[in-house]
């Protein structure tokens, strides 16, 4: 085990995304605009985690966990944590 590693992403929706989300709120629905941005933020956080783990010399990250929050109005923050490790096959 090499230690704890994390990756983060902060995203915001543009004006069009906020308008669309507002309409979805009024008429109902699953909030596709929020979901799309959340998925982008999650992917960016994972990519950041992988880069940091590789920089530590890891070839694996174990026990990952996600934390998602909103700061200010419309800023989505996704952070992913895990343990960077070097793993190999048993022979």
C-alpha atoms as a PDB file:
ATOM      1  CA  UNK A   1       0.000   0.000   0.000  1.00  0.00           C
ATOM      2  CA  UNK A   2       1.333   3.388  -0.984  1.00  0.00           C
ATOM      3  CA  UNK A   3      -1.181   5.597   0.793  1.00  0.00           C
ATOM      4  CA  UNK A   4      -4.382   7.533   0.384  1.00  0.00           C
ATOM      5  CA  UNK A   5      -5.002   9.159  -2.975  1.00  0.00           C
ATOM      6  CA  UNK A   6      -7.844  11.387  -4.108  1.00  0.00           C
ATOM      7  CA  UNK A   7      -9.161  13.135  -7.175  1.00  0.00           C
ATOM      8  CA  UNK A   8     -11.590  16.032  -7.386  1.00  0.00           C
ATOM      9  CA  UNK A   9     -13.682  17.862  -9.934  1.00  0.00           C
ATOM     10  CA  UNK A  10     -15.713  21.051  -9.698  1.00  0.00           C
ATOM     11  CA  UNK A  11     -18.247  21.748 -12.417  1.00  0.00           C
ATOM     12  CA  UNK A  12     -21.016  24.226 -13.018  1.00  0.00           C
ATOM     13  CA  UNK A  13     -23.825  24.364 -15.488  1.00  0.00           C
ATOM     14  CA  UNK A  14     -24.027  27.279 -17.908  1.00  0.00           C
ATOM     15  CA  UNK A  15     -27.040  29.545 -18.193  1.00  0.00           C
ATOM     16  CA  UNK A  16     -28.753  27.188 -20.654  1.00  0.00           C
ATOM     17  CA  UNK A  17     -28.308  24.240 -18.294  1.00  0.00           C
ATOM     18  CA  UNK A  18     -29.744  26.215 -15.400  1.00  0.00           C
ATOM     19  CA  UNK A  19     -32.770  27.232 -17.458  1.00  0.00           C
ATOM     20  CA  UNK A  20     -33.350  23.631 -18.541  1.00  0.00           C
ATOM     21  CA  UNK A  21     -33.018  22.411 -14.950  1.00  0.00           C
ATOM     22  CA  UNK A  22     -35.507  25.078 -13.842  1.00  0.00           C
ATOM     23  CA  UNK A  23     -38.030  23.898 -16.422  1.00  0.00           C
ATOM     24  CA  UNK A  24     -37.500  20.258 -15.371  1.00  0.00           C
ATOM     25  CA  UNK A  25     -38.168  21.303 -11.783  1.00  0.00           C
ATOM     26  CA  UNK A  26     -41.495  22.891 -12.719  1.00  0.00           C
ATOM     27  CA  UNK A  27     -42.781  20.151 -15.032  1.00  0.00           C
ATOM     28  CA  UNK A  28     -41.188  17.198 -13.265  1.00  0.00           C
ATOM     29  CA  UNK A  29     -38.619  14.735 -14.480  1.00  0.00           C
ATOM     30  CA  UNK A  30     -35.362  13.154 -13.473  1.00  0.00           C
ATOM     31  CA  UNK A  31     -33.186  16.268 -13.705  1.00  0.00           C
ATOM     32  CA  UNK A  32     -31.216  15.249 -16.794  1.00  0.00           C
ATOM     33  CA  UNK A  33     -29.182  18.480 -16.798  1.00  0.00           C
ATOM     34  CA  UNK A  34     -27.924  17.826 -13.256  1.00  0.00           C
ATOM     35  CA  UNK A  35     -27.317  14.142 -13.998  1.00  0.00           C
ATOM     36  CA  UNK A  36     -25.213  14.929 -17.074  1.00  0.00           C
ATOM     37  CA  UNK A  37     -22.981  17.364 -15.165  1.00  0.00           C
ATOM     38  CA  UNK A  38     -22.677  14.964 -12.226  1.00  0.00           C
ATOM     39  CA  UNK A  39     -21.510  12.189 -14.563  1.00  0.00           C
ATOM     40  CA  UNK A  40     -18.931  14.517 -16.159  1.00  0.00           C
ATOM     41  CA  UNK A  41     -17.659  15.569 -12.733  1.00  0.00           C
ATOM     42  CA  UNK A  42     -17.399  11.945 -11.588  1.00  0.00           C
ATOM     43  CA  UNK A  43     -15.365  10.981 -14.683  1.00  0.00           C
ATOM     44  CA  UNK A  44     -13.033  13.966 -14.222  1.00  0.00           C
ATOM     45  CA  UNK A  45     -12.510  13.082 -10.555  1.00  0.00           C
ATOM     46  CA  UNK A  46     -11.657   9.474 -11.466  1.00  0.00           C
ATOM     47  CA  UNK A  47      -9.187  10.607 -14.136  1.00  0.00           C
ATOM     48  CA  UNK A  48      -7.545  12.929 -11.597  1.00  0.00           C
ATOM     49  CA  UNK A  49      -7.351  10.068  -9.062  1.00  0.00           C
ATOM     50  CA  UNK A  50      -5.728   7.751 -11.616  1.00  0.00           C
ATOM     51  CA  UNK A  51      -3.119  10.378 -12.554  1.00  0.00           C
ATOM     52  CA  UNK A  52      -2.195  10.948  -8.912  1.00  0.00           C
ATOM     53  CA  UNK A  53      -2.034   7.204  -8.178  1.00  0.00           C
ATOM     54  CA  UNK A  54       0.268   6.606 -11.174  1.00  0.00           C
ATOM     55  CA  UNK A  55       2.492   9.472 -10.024  1.00  0.00           C
ATOM     56  CA  UNK A  56       2.855   7.645  -6.700  1.00  0.00           C
ATOM     57  CA  UNK A  57       3.921   4.478  -8.553  1.00  0.00           C
ATOM     58  CA  UNK A  58       0.607   2.646  -8.089  1.00  0.00           C
ATOM     59  CA  UNK A  59      -0.968   0.284 -10.569  1.00  0.00           C
ATOM     60  CA  UNK A  60      -4.232  -0.027  -8.623  1.00  0.00           C
ATOM     61  CA  UNK A  61      -6.524   1.940  -6.336  1.00  0.00           C
ATOM     62  CA  UNK A  62      -8.403  -0.038  -3.704  1.00  0.00           C
ATOM     63  CA  UNK A  63     -11.583   0.726  -1.776  1.00  0.00           C
ATOM     64  CA  UNK A  64     -12.699   3.836  -3.623  1.00  0.00           C
ATOM     65  CA  UNK A  65     -15.463   6.030  -2.274  1.00  0.00           C
ATOM     66  CA  UNK A  66     -17.187   9.088  -3.718  1.00  0.00           C
ATOM     67  CA  UNK A  67     -18.269  12.281  -1.998  1.00  0.00           C
ATOM     68  CA  UNK A  68     -20.559  14.676  -3.825  1.00  0.00           C
ATOM     69  CA  UNK A  69     -21.647  18.114  -2.693  1.00  0.00           C
ATOM     70  CA  UNK A  70     -22.876  21.400  -4.079  1.00  0.00           C
ATOM     71  CA  UNK A  71     -21.191  24.669  -3.197  1.00  0.00           C
ATOM     72  CA  UNK A  72     -22.594  28.079  -3.890  1.00  0.00           C
ATOM     73  CA  UNK A  73     -25.448  27.770  -6.358  1.00  0.00           C
ATOM     74  CA  UNK A  74     -24.916  25.275  -9.125  1.00  0.00           C
ATOM     75  CA  UNK A  75     -21.311  24.219  -8.453  1.00  0.00           C
ATOM     76  CA  UNK A  76     -21.015  20.440  -8.209  1.00  0.00           C
ATOM     77  CA  UNK A  77     -17.984  19.072  -6.356  1.00  0.00           C
ATOM     78  CA  UNK A  78     -17.111  15.389  -6.678  1.00  0.00           C
ATOM     79  CA  UNK A  79     -14.193  13.891  -4.775  1.00  0.00           C
ATOM     80  CA  UNK A  80     -13.119  10.260  -5.008  1.00  0.00           C
ATOM     81  CA  UNK A  81     -10.827   8.672  -2.405  1.00  0.00           C
ATOM     82  CA  UNK A  82      -8.974   5.378  -2.360  1.00  0.00           C
ATOM     83  CA  UNK A  83      -5.784   3.605  -1.366  1.00  0.00           C
ATOM     84  CA  UNK A  84      -3.029   3.602  -3.960  1.00  0.00           C
ATOM     85  CA  UNK A  85      -1.315   0.228  -4.188  1.00  0.00           C
ATOM     86  CA  UNK A  86       1.002  -1.916  -6.230  1.00  0.00           C
ATOM     87  CA  UNK A  87      -0.563  -5.298  -6.926  1.00  0.00           C
ATOM     88  CA  UNK A  88       0.758  -8.326  -8.753  1.00  0.00           C
ATOM     89  CA  UNK A  89      -0.531 -11.768  -9.662  1.00  0.00           C
ATOM     90  CA  UNK A  90       0.295 -14.715  -7.517  1.00  0.00           C
ATOM     91  CA  UNK A  91       2.208 -17.382  -9.341  1.00  0.00           C
END
